[in-house]
Amino acid sequence: MNSSRLTITTVTRASFALVIASLLFACATPVTHQQFDFGSTSITTNNSASNKLKILLAEIQVPASLEGSAMLYRLQYENAQELRPYAQSRWSMPPAQLLKQRIKTHINQAGGAVLAASDGVKNLPLLKLELEEFSQHFSSPTQSQVQLRWRASLINNNQLIAQKVFQTQTRCESADAKGGAQAMPQATDLAIGELIAWLQTQVTSNTVSNPVRN
């Protein structure tokens, strides 16, 4: 009888020790985080007119939720108003920096020029962007698309020349962070193409010298 109790006690202690060891190992094992950027910056543009586009680009304004490098998503089928971050996936830099790099690449590779106000160049129109949405939306557990939305304001001599909201969405190949990371650059390129066409129209239609609100 005593031998039976001893055996049960020994097994129980061994099981408890195994559980503790497993927990300690899990705590000691570092969590792997994935970082995503927009990939190659070699861009082919169909907008040949953008080679004459020269603008000043202000720092892109973002809401508090987009100040960091978190990758955000919404479960439309559960609670579309809740913006959630992926636990183990992040952007390589904040969205505003990713967008700024991409815009400069598009215009510069087409022969245009994008300068900052700090460069000291005057008499160029100033582009201000307010990023409003930069996230992945899940319509179901297996289907998602990225949503991108920003408000663009073109300013010259402290006067508003034109203003427009740009919004694009692109379907994700997979319903996860990797799918969102692959789709967001595509949505961004579409929005930038529309932005460049709009800017070119505003700049070349003499609206800089004759301000008209759009």
N, C-alpha and C. Protein backbone atom coordinates (compact mmCIF):
# COMPACT_ATOMS: atom_id res chain seq x y z
N MET A 1 0.84 -1.21 0.00
CA MET A 1 0.00 0.00 0.00
C MET A 1 0.87 1.26 0.00
N ASN A 2 1.88 1.24 0.87
CA ASN A 2 2.79 2.37 0.93
C ASN A 2 3.56 2.52 -0.38
N SER A 3 3.92 1.37 -0.97
CA SER A 3 4.64 1.38 -2.26
C SER A 3 3.79 2.00 -3.34
N SER A 4 2.47 1.72 -3.36
CA SER A 4 1.56 2.27 -4.35
C SER A 4 1.44 3.77 -4.20
N ARG A 5 1.31 4.24 -2.92
CA ARG A 5 1.22 5.68 -2.68
C ARG A 5 2.50 6.39 -3.11
N LEU A 6 3.64 5.72 -2.84
CA LEU A 6 4.93 6.31 -3.21
C LEU A 6 5.06 6.46 -4.72
N THR A 7 4.57 5.45 -5.44
CA THR A 7 4.63 5.49 -6.91
C THR A 7 3.77 6.62 -7.45
N ILE A 8 2.56 6.79 -6.91
CA ILE A 8 1.65 7.86 -7.36
C ILE A 8 2.26 9.23 -7.07
N THR A 9 2.84 9.36 -5.87
CA THR A 9 3.46 10.63 -5.49
C THR A 9 4.63 10.97 -6.41
N THR A 10 5.43 9.96 -6.72
CA THR A 10 6.59 10.16 -7.59
C THR A 10 6.16 10.59 -8.99
N VAL A 11 5.11 9.94 -9.51
CA VAL A 11 4.61 10.28 -10.85
C VAL A 11 4.05 11.71 -10.86
N THR A 12 3.31 12.06 -9.80
CA THR A 12 2.73 13.39 -9.72
C THR A 12 3.81 14.46 -9.69
N ARG A 13 4.86 14.21 -8.88
CA ARG A 13 5.95 15.17 -8.79
C ARG A 13 6.68 15.30 -10.13
N ALA A 14 6.85 14.18 -10.80
CA ALA A 14 7.53 14.19 -12.09
C ALA A 14 6.73 14.96 -13.13
N SER A 15 5.41 14.77 -13.11
CA SER A 15 4.54 15.48 -14.04
C SER A 15 4.58 16.98 -13.76
N PHE A 16 4.54 17.33 -12.47
CA PHE A 16 4.57 18.74 -12.10
C PHE A 16 5.89 19.39 -12.53
N ALA A 17 6.98 18.64 -12.34
CA ALA A 17 8.30 19.16 -12.73
C ALA A 17 8.38 19.35 -14.24
N LEU A 18 7.74 18.45 -15.00
CA LEU A 18 7.75 18.55 -16.45
C LEU A 18 6.98 19.78 -16.92
N VAL A 19 5.85 20.06 -16.27
CA VAL A 19 5.06 21.23 -16.61
C VAL A 19 5.85 22.50 -16.34
N ILE A 20 6.49 22.57 -15.16
CA ILE A 20 7.29 23.74 -14.80
C ILE A 20 8.43 23.94 -15.78
N ALA A 21 9.09 22.85 -16.16
CA ALA A 21 10.21 22.93 -17.10
C ALA A 21 9.74 23.44 -18.46
N SER A 22 8.56 22.99 -18.88
CA SER A 22 8.01 23.43 -20.17
C SER A 22 7.70 24.92 -20.13
N LEU A 23 7.12 25.39 -19.02
CA LEU A 23 6.81 26.81 -18.90
C LEU A 23 8.07 27.67 -18.90
N LEU A 24 9.10 27.20 -18.18
CA LEU A 24 10.35 27.93 -18.13
C LEU A 24 11.01 27.99 -19.51
N PHE A 25 10.91 26.90 -20.26
CA PHE A 25 11.49 26.86 -21.61
C PHE A 25 10.76 27.83 -22.53
N ALA A 26 9.41 27.86 -22.40
CA ALA A 26 8.61 28.76 -23.24
C ALA A 26 8.94 30.22 -22.93
N CYS A 27 9.17 30.52 -21.65
CA CYS A 27 9.50 31.89 -21.28
C CYS A 27 10.90 32.28 -21.76
N ALA A 28 11.79 31.30 -21.79
CA ALA A 28 13.17 31.58 -22.18
C ALA A 28 13.34 31.67 -23.68
N THR A 29 12.40 31.08 -24.44
CA THR A 29 12.50 31.09 -25.89
C THR A 29 12.03 32.44 -26.43
N PRO A 30 12.89 33.16 -27.16
CA PRO A 30 12.50 34.48 -27.67
C PRO A 30 11.40 34.38 -28.72
N VAL A 31 10.46 35.34 -28.68
CA VAL A 31 9.38 35.38 -29.66
C VAL A 31 9.91 35.97 -30.96
N THR A 32 9.65 35.30 -32.06
CA THR A 32 10.13 35.76 -33.36
C THR A 32 9.16 36.79 -33.93
N HIS A 33 9.68 37.98 -34.22
CA HIS A 33 8.87 39.05 -34.80
C HIS A 33 9.24 39.22 -36.26
N GLN A 34 8.24 39.38 -37.11
CA GLN A 34 8.47 39.62 -38.52
C GLN A 34 8.39 41.12 -38.80
N GLN A 35 9.28 41.60 -39.64
CA GLN A 35 9.24 42.99 -40.06
C GLN A 35 9.08 43.04 -41.57
N PHE A 36 8.18 43.92 -42.02
CA PHE A 36 7.90 44.05 -43.45
C PHE A 36 8.13 45.48 -43.91
N ASP A 37 8.64 45.62 -45.14
CA ASP A 37 8.72 46.93 -45.77
C ASP A 37 7.95 46.86 -47.09
N PHE A 38 8.18 47.83 -47.98
CA PHE A 38 7.45 47.86 -49.25
C PHE A 38 8.21 47.17 -50.38
N GLY A 39 9.31 46.51 -50.05
CA GLY A 39 10.04 45.79 -51.08
C GLY A 39 10.85 46.71 -51.97
N SER A 40 11.12 46.24 -53.18
CA SER A 40 11.94 46.99 -54.13
C SER A 40 11.33 48.35 -54.43
N THR A 41 12.20 49.34 -54.56
CA THR A 41 11.74 50.69 -54.88
C THR A 41 11.93 51.02 -56.35
N SER A 42 12.19 50.00 -57.16
CA SER A 42 12.32 50.22 -58.60
C SER A 42 10.93 50.25 -59.19
N ILE A 43 10.48 51.45 -59.58
CA ILE A 43 9.09 51.64 -60.00
C ILE A 43 9.04 52.15 -61.43
N THR A 44 8.17 51.57 -62.22
CA THR A 44 7.94 52.06 -63.57
C THR A 44 6.65 52.84 -63.58
N THR A 45 6.71 54.09 -63.97
CA THR A 45 5.50 54.92 -63.98
C THR A 45 5.05 55.18 -65.41
N ASN A 46 3.75 55.21 -65.61
CA ASN A 46 3.18 55.50 -66.92
C ASN A 46 2.88 56.98 -67.09
N ASN A 47 3.14 57.75 -66.06
CA ASN A 47 2.82 59.17 -66.10
C ASN A 47 4.06 59.96 -66.52
N SER A 48 4.30 60.07 -67.83
CA SER A 48 5.49 60.75 -68.33
C SER A 48 5.48 62.23 -68.00
N ALA A 49 4.29 62.80 -67.78
CA ALA A 49 4.20 64.23 -67.48
C ALA A 49 4.79 64.57 -66.12
N SER A 50 4.93 63.56 -65.25
CA SER A 50 5.42 63.82 -63.90
C SER A 50 6.89 64.19 -63.89
N ASN A 51 7.59 64.09 -65.06
CA ASN A 51 8.99 64.47 -65.07
C ASN A 51 9.17 65.98 -64.91
N LYS A 52 8.10 66.76 -65.00
CA LYS A 52 8.17 68.20 -64.79
C LYS A 52 7.64 68.60 -63.42
N LEU A 53 7.21 67.62 -62.65
CA LEU A 53 6.58 67.91 -61.37
C LEU A 53 7.63 68.19 -60.30
N LYS A 54 7.56 69.34 -59.68
CA LYS A 54 8.48 69.72 -58.62
C LYS A 54 7.65 70.27 -57.46
N ILE A 55 7.76 69.63 -56.32
CA ILE A 55 6.95 70.02 -55.17
C ILE A 55 7.76 69.96 -53.88
N LEU A 56 7.25 70.65 -52.87
CA LEU A 56 7.73 70.49 -51.51
C LEU A 56 6.78 69.54 -50.80
N LEU A 57 7.32 68.57 -50.08
CA LEU A 57 6.50 67.59 -49.38
C LEU A 57 6.67 67.78 -47.88
N ALA A 58 5.56 68.13 -47.21
CA ALA A 58 5.59 68.30 -45.76
C ALA A 58 5.60 66.93 -45.08
N GLU A 59 5.91 66.92 -43.79
CA GLU A 59 5.85 65.67 -43.04
C GLU A 59 4.40 65.18 -43.03
N ILE A 60 4.22 63.90 -43.32
CA ILE A 60 2.88 63.33 -43.40
C ILE A 60 2.26 63.24 -42.00
N GLN A 61 1.06 63.76 -41.87
CA GLN A 61 0.35 63.76 -40.59
C GLN A 61 -0.42 62.44 -40.42
N VAL A 62 -0.38 61.89 -39.22
CA VAL A 62 -1.05 60.61 -38.95
C VAL A 62 -1.80 60.68 -37.62
N PRO A 63 -2.83 59.86 -37.46
CA PRO A 63 -3.49 59.76 -36.14
C PRO A 63 -2.58 58.99 -35.18
N ALA A 64 -2.92 59.02 -33.92
CA ALA A 64 -2.09 58.37 -32.90
C ALA A 64 -1.89 56.88 -33.18
N SER A 65 -2.89 56.23 -33.75
CA SER A 65 -2.81 54.79 -34.00
C SER A 65 -1.75 54.42 -35.04
N LEU A 66 -1.34 55.40 -35.86
CA LEU A 66 -0.36 55.12 -36.92
C LEU A 66 1.00 55.75 -36.65
N GLU A 67 1.22 56.20 -35.45
CA GLU A 67 2.50 56.82 -35.12
C GLU A 67 3.63 55.79 -35.00
N GLY A 68 3.31 54.59 -34.59
CA GLY A 68 4.33 53.55 -34.45
C GLY A 68 4.44 52.70 -35.70
N SER A 69 5.05 51.55 -35.57
CA SER A 69 5.26 50.66 -36.73
C SER A 69 4.37 49.42 -36.68
N ALA A 70 3.33 49.45 -35.85
CA ALA A 70 2.43 48.29 -35.75
C ALA A 70 1.68 48.05 -37.06
N MET A 71 1.46 46.79 -37.39
CA MET A 71 0.61 46.42 -38.52
C MET A 71 -0.80 46.24 -37.97
N LEU A 72 -1.75 47.01 -38.51
CA LEU A 72 -3.09 47.06 -37.95
C LEU A 72 -4.11 46.35 -38.85
N TYR A 73 -5.15 45.81 -38.22
CA TYR A 73 -6.21 45.15 -38.97
C TYR A 73 -7.55 45.34 -38.27
N ARG A 74 -8.62 45.14 -39.05
CA ARG A 74 -9.98 45.19 -38.53
C ARG A 74 -10.72 43.92 -38.91
N LEU A 75 -11.49 43.37 -37.99
CA LEU A 75 -12.35 42.22 -38.28
C LEU A 75 -13.74 42.78 -38.60
N GLN A 76 -14.00 43.00 -39.88
CA GLN A 76 -15.27 43.59 -40.30
C GLN A 76 -16.46 42.75 -39.89
N TYR A 77 -16.28 41.44 -39.87
CA TYR A 77 -17.38 40.53 -39.57
C TYR A 77 -17.64 40.42 -38.06
N GLU A 78 -16.76 40.99 -37.26
CA GLU A 78 -16.91 40.91 -35.81
C GLU A 78 -17.12 42.28 -35.17
N ASN A 79 -16.17 43.19 -35.42
CA ASN A 79 -16.27 44.55 -34.89
C ASN A 79 -15.43 45.48 -35.76
N ALA A 80 -16.07 46.10 -36.73
CA ALA A 80 -15.36 46.92 -37.70
C ALA A 80 -14.76 48.18 -37.09
N GLN A 81 -15.21 48.54 -35.90
CA GLN A 81 -14.72 49.77 -35.27
C GLN A 81 -13.48 49.55 -34.40
N GLU A 82 -13.09 48.29 -34.24
CA GLU A 82 -11.93 47.99 -33.40
C GLU A 82 -10.68 47.80 -34.28
N LEU A 83 -9.68 48.62 -34.05
CA LEU A 83 -8.42 48.54 -34.78
C LEU A 83 -7.44 47.73 -33.93
N ARG A 84 -6.95 46.62 -34.47
CA ARG A 84 -6.10 45.72 -33.69
C ARG A 84 -4.70 45.61 -34.30
N PRO A 85 -3.68 45.44 -33.47
CA PRO A 85 -2.32 45.24 -33.99
C PRO A 85 -1.97 43.75 -34.05
N TYR A 86 -1.22 43.36 -35.06
CA TYR A 86 -0.67 42.00 -35.09
C TYR A 86 0.34 41.88 -33.95
N ALA A 87 0.34 40.74 -33.29
CA ALA A 87 1.21 40.57 -32.12
C ALA A 87 2.67 40.38 -32.51
N GLN A 88 2.93 39.67 -33.61
CA GLN A 88 4.31 39.32 -33.95
C GLN A 88 4.75 39.84 -35.31
N SER A 89 4.03 40.79 -35.89
CA SER A 89 4.39 41.34 -37.20
C SER A 89 4.32 42.86 -37.14
N ARG A 90 5.33 43.51 -37.72
CA ARG A 90 5.40 44.97 -37.69
C ARG A 90 5.96 45.47 -39.02
N TRP A 91 5.71 46.76 -39.31
CA TRP A 91 6.36 47.41 -40.43
C TRP A 91 7.79 47.75 -40.02
N SER A 92 8.67 47.87 -40.99
CA SER A 92 10.07 48.18 -40.70
C SER A 92 10.24 49.61 -40.22
N MET A 93 9.27 50.48 -40.52
CA MET A 93 9.26 51.87 -40.06
C MET A 93 7.81 52.34 -40.05
N PRO A 94 7.51 53.45 -39.40
CA PRO A 94 6.12 53.93 -39.36
C PRO A 94 5.56 54.15 -40.76
N PRO A 95 4.25 53.96 -40.96
CA PRO A 95 3.61 54.10 -42.27
C PRO A 95 3.91 55.42 -42.96
N ALA A 96 3.97 56.53 -42.22
CA ALA A 96 4.24 57.83 -42.83
C ALA A 96 5.59 57.83 -43.54
N GLN A 97 6.58 57.18 -42.94
CA GLN A 97 7.90 57.13 -43.56
C GLN A 97 7.90 56.23 -44.79
N LEU A 98 7.18 55.12 -44.72
CA LEU A 98 7.07 54.22 -45.87
C LEU A 98 6.43 54.95 -47.05
N LEU A 99 5.36 55.71 -46.77
CA LEU A 99 4.66 56.43 -47.83
C LEU A 99 5.52 57.55 -48.40
N LYS A 100 6.21 58.27 -47.54
CA LYS A 100 7.05 59.38 -47.99
C LYS A 100 8.14 58.87 -48.93
N GLN A 101 8.77 57.77 -48.57
CA GLN A 101 9.80 57.17 -49.42
C GLN A 101 9.22 56.78 -50.77
N ARG A 102 8.03 56.18 -50.74
CA ARG A 102 7.42 55.68 -51.98
C ARG A 102 7.04 56.83 -52.91
N ILE A 103 6.48 57.91 -52.35
CA ILE A 103 6.10 59.07 -53.16
C ILE A 103 7.33 59.69 -53.81
N LYS A 104 8.39 59.86 -53.03
CA LYS A 104 9.62 60.44 -53.57
C LYS A 104 10.19 59.57 -54.67
N THR A 105 10.13 58.26 -54.49
CA THR A 105 10.66 57.34 -55.49
C THR A 105 9.89 57.43 -56.79
N HIS A 106 8.57 57.46 -56.70
CA HIS A 106 7.72 57.57 -57.89
C HIS A 106 8.07 58.82 -58.69
N ILE A 107 8.09 59.96 -58.02
CA ILE A 107 8.30 61.23 -58.72
C ILE A 107 9.75 61.38 -59.19
N ASN A 108 10.71 61.01 -58.34
CA ASN A 108 12.11 61.16 -58.71
C ASN A 108 12.51 60.25 -59.86
N GLN A 109 12.01 59.01 -59.85
CA GLN A 109 12.38 58.09 -60.93
C GLN A 109 11.74 58.50 -62.25
N ALA A 110 10.69 59.31 -62.19
CA ALA A 110 10.07 59.81 -63.42
C ALA A 110 10.72 61.10 -63.89
N GLY A 111 11.72 61.58 -63.15
CA GLY A 111 12.41 62.80 -63.56
C GLY A 111 11.96 64.04 -62.86
N GLY A 112 10.99 63.92 -61.93
CA GLY A 112 10.54 65.08 -61.17
C GLY A 112 11.41 65.30 -59.95
N ALA A 113 10.95 66.13 -59.05
CA ALA A 113 11.73 66.43 -57.85
C ALA A 113 10.81 66.62 -56.66
N VAL A 114 11.18 66.02 -55.55
CA VAL A 114 10.46 66.18 -54.29
C VAL A 114 11.44 66.71 -53.25
N LEU A 115 11.16 67.88 -52.72
CA LEU A 115 12.04 68.52 -51.76
C LEU A 115 11.31 68.74 -50.44
N ALA A 116 12.07 68.96 -49.40
CA ALA A 116 11.49 69.27 -48.09
C ALA A 116 11.57 70.77 -47.85
N ALA A 117 10.70 71.27 -47.01
CA ALA A 117 10.70 72.70 -46.70
C ALA A 117 12.04 73.13 -46.12
N SER A 118 12.70 72.22 -45.42
CA SER A 118 13.99 72.52 -44.81
C SER A 118 15.12 72.67 -45.83
N ASP A 119 14.87 72.31 -47.08
CA ASP A 119 15.90 72.44 -48.12
C ASP A 119 16.12 73.89 -48.53
N GLY A 120 15.22 74.77 -48.13
CA GLY A 120 15.39 76.18 -48.41
C GLY A 120 14.94 76.62 -49.79
N VAL A 121 14.31 75.74 -50.54
CA VAL A 121 13.83 76.10 -51.87
C VAL A 121 12.49 76.81 -51.75
N LYS A 122 12.33 77.90 -52.48
CA LYS A 122 11.09 78.68 -52.42
C LYS A 122 10.35 78.61 -53.75
N ASN A 123 9.15 79.16 -53.74
CA ASN A 123 8.32 79.27 -54.95
C ASN A 123 7.94 77.92 -55.55
N LEU A 124 7.81 76.93 -54.70
CA LEU A 124 7.29 75.63 -55.14
C LEU A 124 6.01 75.33 -54.35
N PRO A 125 5.05 74.68 -54.98
CA PRO A 125 3.83 74.30 -54.24
C PRO A 125 4.15 73.29 -53.14
N LEU A 126 3.44 73.40 -52.03
CA LEU A 126 3.65 72.52 -50.88
C LEU A 126 2.54 71.49 -50.81
N LEU A 127 2.91 70.23 -50.73
CA LEU A 127 1.94 69.14 -50.61
C LEU A 127 1.89 68.67 -49.17
N LYS A 128 0.69 68.71 -48.59
CA LYS A 128 0.48 68.18 -47.25
C LYS A 128 -0.44 66.97 -47.33
N LEU A 129 -0.06 65.90 -46.66
CA LEU A 129 -0.86 64.67 -46.65
C LEU A 129 -1.25 64.31 -45.22
N GLU A 130 -2.51 63.93 -45.05
CA GLU A 130 -3.02 63.44 -43.77
C GLU A 130 -3.46 61.99 -43.97
N LEU A 131 -2.71 61.08 -43.41
CA LEU A 131 -3.02 59.66 -43.54
C LEU A 131 -4.15 59.29 -42.57
N GLU A 132 -5.24 58.75 -43.11
CA GLU A 132 -6.41 58.46 -42.29
C GLU A 132 -6.63 56.95 -42.07
N GLU A 133 -6.27 56.14 -43.04
CA GLU A 133 -6.47 54.68 -42.92
C GLU A 133 -5.30 53.96 -43.56
N PHE A 134 -4.76 52.99 -42.85
CA PHE A 134 -3.62 52.22 -43.35
C PHE A 134 -3.67 50.86 -42.64
N SER A 135 -4.62 50.01 -43.07
CA SER A 135 -4.85 48.78 -42.33
C SER A 135 -5.41 47.69 -43.24
N GLN A 136 -5.47 46.49 -42.68
CA GLN A 136 -5.99 45.32 -43.38
C GLN A 136 -7.39 45.00 -42.83
N HIS A 137 -8.35 44.84 -43.72
CA HIS A 137 -9.73 44.59 -43.32
C HIS A 137 -10.12 43.15 -43.67
N PHE A 138 -10.61 42.42 -42.67
CA PHE A 138 -11.04 41.04 -42.87
C PHE A 138 -12.56 41.01 -43.03
N SER A 139 -13.03 40.65 -44.22
CA SER A 139 -14.47 40.50 -44.43
C SER A 139 -14.96 39.15 -43.91
N SER A 140 -14.04 38.19 -43.77
CA SER A 140 -14.31 36.88 -43.19
C SER A 140 -12.97 36.35 -42.67
N PRO A 141 -12.96 35.25 -41.94
CA PRO A 141 -11.68 34.73 -41.44
C PRO A 141 -10.70 34.34 -42.54
N THR A 142 -11.18 34.16 -43.76
CA THR A 142 -10.31 33.71 -44.84
C THR A 142 -10.16 34.73 -45.98
N GLN A 143 -10.79 35.88 -45.87
CA GLN A 143 -10.71 36.89 -46.93
C GLN A 143 -10.42 38.26 -46.35
N SER A 144 -9.48 38.97 -46.99
CA SER A 144 -9.13 40.31 -46.50
C SER A 144 -8.63 41.18 -47.63
N GLN A 145 -8.63 42.48 -47.37
CA GLN A 145 -8.08 43.45 -48.31
C GLN A 145 -7.50 44.62 -47.51
N VAL A 146 -6.47 45.25 -48.05
CA VAL A 146 -5.90 46.40 -47.37
C VAL A 146 -6.66 47.65 -47.79
N GLN A 147 -6.78 48.58 -46.87
CA GLN A 147 -7.46 49.85 -47.11
C GLN A 147 -6.48 50.99 -46.85
N LEU A 148 -6.37 51.89 -47.82
CA LEU A 148 -5.49 53.04 -47.70
C LEU A 148 -6.28 54.30 -48.02
N ARG A 149 -6.19 55.31 -47.16
CA ARG A 149 -6.90 56.57 -47.41
C ARG A 149 -6.09 57.73 -46.86
N TRP A 150 -5.92 58.78 -47.70
CA TRP A 150 -5.27 59.99 -47.22
C TRP A 150 -5.92 61.22 -47.84
N ARG A 151 -5.77 62.35 -47.17
CA ARG A 151 -6.27 63.63 -47.65
C ARG A 151 -5.07 64.46 -48.10
N ALA A 152 -5.11 64.91 -49.34
CA ALA A 152 -4.02 65.70 -49.90
C ALA A 152 -4.44 67.15 -50.03
N SER A 153 -3.56 68.05 -49.62
CA SER A 153 -3.80 69.49 -49.74
C SER A 153 -2.62 70.12 -50.45
N LEU A 154 -2.90 70.88 -51.50
CA LEU A 154 -1.86 71.58 -52.24
C LEU A 154 -1.91 73.05 -51.86
N ILE A 155 -0.79 73.57 -51.39
CA ILE A 155 -0.73 74.93 -50.84
C ILE A 155 0.36 75.73 -51.53
N ASN A 156 0.07 77.00 -51.79
CA ASN A 156 1.08 77.90 -52.35
C ASN A 156 0.91 79.28 -51.74
N ASN A 157 2.01 79.84 -51.24
CA ASN A 157 1.97 81.15 -50.59
C ASN A 157 0.89 81.22 -49.50
N ASN A 158 0.84 80.15 -48.72
CA ASN A 158 -0.10 80.06 -47.59
C ASN A 158 -1.56 80.06 -48.01
N GLN A 159 -1.83 79.73 -49.28
CA GLN A 159 -3.20 79.64 -49.76
C GLN A 159 -3.49 78.22 -50.25
N LEU A 160 -4.67 77.73 -49.92
CA LEU A 160 -5.06 76.40 -50.36
C LEU A 160 -5.42 76.43 -51.84
N ILE A 161 -4.71 75.63 -52.62
CA ILE A 161 -4.96 75.57 -54.06
C ILE A 161 -6.02 74.52 -54.37
N ALA A 162 -5.85 73.35 -53.80
CA ALA A 162 -6.80 72.26 -54.04
C ALA A 162 -6.67 71.23 -52.93
N GLN A 163 -7.71 70.44 -52.77
CA GLN A 163 -7.72 69.40 -51.74
C GLN A 163 -8.54 68.21 -52.24
N LYS A 164 -8.05 67.02 -51.95
CA LYS A 164 -8.75 65.82 -52.42
C LYS A 164 -8.42 64.63 -51.53
N VAL A 165 -9.39 63.73 -51.38
CA VAL A 165 -9.19 62.50 -50.62
C VAL A 165 -8.92 61.36 -51.60
N PHE A 166 -7.88 60.61 -51.35
CA PHE A 166 -7.53 59.46 -52.18
C PHE A 166 -7.74 58.18 -51.36
N GLN A 167 -8.41 57.22 -51.98
CA GLN A 167 -8.70 55.96 -51.28
C GLN A 167 -8.55 54.79 -52.22
N THR A 168 -7.81 53.79 -51.81
CA THR A 168 -7.65 52.57 -52.62
C THR A 168 -7.75 51.35 -51.71
N GLN A 169 -8.06 50.22 -52.33
CA GLN A 169 -8.03 48.96 -51.61
C GLN A 169 -7.54 47.87 -52.55
N THR A 170 -6.84 46.91 -51.99
CA THR A 170 -6.28 45.81 -52.77
C THR A 170 -6.50 44.50 -52.03
N ARG A 171 -6.95 43.50 -52.74
CA ARG A 171 -7.23 42.19 -52.14
C ARG A 171 -5.92 41.51 -51.73
N CYS A 172 -5.94 40.86 -50.58
CA CYS A 172 -4.77 40.14 -50.07
C CYS A 172 -4.80 38.69 -50.56
N GLU A 173 -3.65 38.18 -50.94
CA GLU A 173 -3.57 36.80 -51.41
C GLU A 173 -3.75 35.81 -50.26
N SER A 174 -3.42 36.22 -49.06
CA SER A 174 -3.61 35.36 -47.88
C SER A 174 -4.15 36.20 -46.74
N ALA A 175 -4.96 35.58 -45.91
CA ALA A 175 -5.61 36.31 -44.81
C ALA A 175 -4.73 36.30 -43.57
N ASP A 176 -3.57 36.96 -43.69
CA ASP A 176 -2.64 37.06 -42.58
C ASP A 176 -1.76 38.29 -42.77
N ALA A 177 -0.80 38.47 -41.87
CA ALA A 177 0.06 39.65 -41.94
C ALA A 177 0.87 39.68 -43.23
N LYS A 178 1.35 38.53 -43.67
CA LYS A 178 2.14 38.47 -44.90
C LYS A 178 1.31 38.93 -46.09
N GLY A 179 0.05 38.51 -46.15
CA GLY A 179 -0.83 38.92 -47.23
C GLY A 179 -1.05 40.43 -47.22
N GLY A 180 -1.21 41.00 -46.02
CA GLY A 180 -1.38 42.44 -45.91
C GLY A 180 -0.13 43.19 -46.32
N ALA A 181 1.03 42.66 -45.95
CA ALA A 181 2.30 43.30 -46.29
C ALA A 181 2.55 43.29 -47.79
N GLN A 182 2.07 42.26 -48.48
CA GLN A 182 2.24 42.18 -49.93
C GLN A 182 1.26 43.09 -50.67
N ALA A 183 0.06 43.26 -50.12
CA ALA A 183 -0.97 44.04 -50.81
C ALA A 183 -0.83 45.54 -50.58
N MET A 184 -0.31 45.95 -49.42
CA MET A 184 -0.26 47.38 -49.11
C MET A 184 0.60 48.18 -50.10
N PRO A 185 1.77 47.70 -50.52
CA PRO A 185 2.53 48.46 -51.52
C PRO A 185 1.77 48.62 -52.84
N GLN A 186 0.98 47.62 -53.22
CA GLN A 186 0.20 47.71 -54.45
C GLN A 186 -0.86 48.80 -54.32
N ALA A 187 -1.55 48.81 -53.18
CA ALA A 187 -2.56 49.84 -52.95
C ALA A 187 -1.91 51.22 -52.91
N THR A 188 -0.74 51.30 -52.29
CA THR A 188 -0.02 52.56 -52.20
C THR A 188 0.39 53.08 -53.57
N ASP A 189 0.88 52.19 -54.43
CA ASP A 189 1.30 52.61 -55.77
C ASP A 189 0.12 53.12 -56.58
N LEU A 190 -1.05 52.49 -56.42
CA LEU A 190 -2.25 52.97 -57.12
C LEU A 190 -2.61 54.37 -56.65
N ALA A 191 -2.60 54.58 -55.33
CA ALA A 191 -2.95 55.88 -54.79
C ALA A 191 -1.94 56.95 -55.19
N ILE A 192 -0.67 56.60 -55.23
CA ILE A 192 0.36 57.57 -55.62
C ILE A 192 0.22 57.94 -57.10
N GLY A 193 -0.12 56.95 -57.93
CA GLY A 193 -0.35 57.24 -59.35
C GLY A 193 -1.47 58.25 -59.53
N GLU A 194 -2.55 58.07 -58.77
CA GLU A 194 -3.67 59.02 -58.84
C GLU A 194 -3.26 60.39 -58.28
N LEU A 195 -2.45 60.37 -57.23
CA LEU A 195 -1.98 61.62 -56.63
C LEU A 195 -1.12 62.42 -57.61
N ILE A 196 -0.21 61.73 -58.29
CA ILE A 196 0.67 62.42 -59.25
C ILE A 196 -0.14 63.03 -60.39
N ALA A 197 -1.11 62.28 -60.91
CA ALA A 197 -1.95 62.79 -62.00
C ALA A 197 -2.71 64.04 -61.53
N TRP A 198 -3.21 63.98 -60.31
CA TRP A 198 -3.95 65.13 -59.75
C TRP A 198 -3.03 66.33 -59.56
N LEU A 199 -1.85 66.10 -59.01
CA LEU A 199 -0.89 67.18 -58.80
C LEU A 199 -0.49 67.82 -60.11
N GLN A 200 -0.25 66.99 -61.13
CA GLN A 200 0.17 67.52 -62.42
C GLN A 200 -0.92 68.41 -63.02
N THR A 201 -2.17 67.98 -62.86
CA THR A 201 -3.29 68.78 -63.36
C THR A 201 -3.36 70.13 -62.65
N GLN A 202 -3.20 70.10 -61.33
CA GLN A 202 -3.28 71.33 -60.56
C GLN A 202 -2.13 72.29 -60.87
N VAL A 203 -0.93 71.74 -61.00
CA VAL A 203 0.25 72.58 -61.23
C VAL A 203 0.27 73.17 -62.63
N THR A 204 -0.14 72.38 -63.63
CA THR A 204 -0.06 72.85 -65.01
C THR A 204 -1.29 73.62 -65.47
N SER A 205 -2.33 73.69 -64.65
CA SER A 205 -3.53 74.41 -65.06
C SER A 205 -3.58 75.82 -64.49
N ASN A 206 -2.38 76.31 -64.09
CA ASN A 206 -2.24 77.67 -63.55
C ASN A 206 -3.00 77.91 -62.27
N THR A 207 -3.33 76.82 -61.55
CA THR A 207 -4.03 77.01 -60.29
C THR A 207 -3.10 77.53 -59.21
N VAL A 208 -1.79 77.37 -59.39
CA VAL A 208 -0.85 77.87 -58.40
C VAL A 208 -0.87 79.39 -58.38
N SER A 209 -1.00 79.99 -59.56
CA SER A 209 -1.04 81.46 -59.62
C SER A 209 -2.45 82.00 -59.43
N ASN A 210 -3.47 81.12 -59.66
CA ASN A 210 -4.85 81.53 -59.47
C ASN A 210 -5.55 80.52 -58.56
N PRO A 211 -5.38 80.64 -57.24
CA PRO A 211 -5.91 79.65 -56.33
C PRO A 211 -7.41 79.44 -56.45
N VAL A 212 -7.78 78.18 -56.56
CA VAL A 212 -9.20 77.81 -56.60
C VAL A 212 -9.37 76.57 -55.72
N ARG A 213 -10.28 76.63 -54.82
CA ARG A 213 -10.53 75.47 -53.97
C ARG A 213 -11.23 74.39 -54.77
N ASN A 214 -10.77 73.14 -54.58
CA ASN A 214 -11.35 72.03 -55.33
C ASN A 214 -12.35 71.27 -54.47
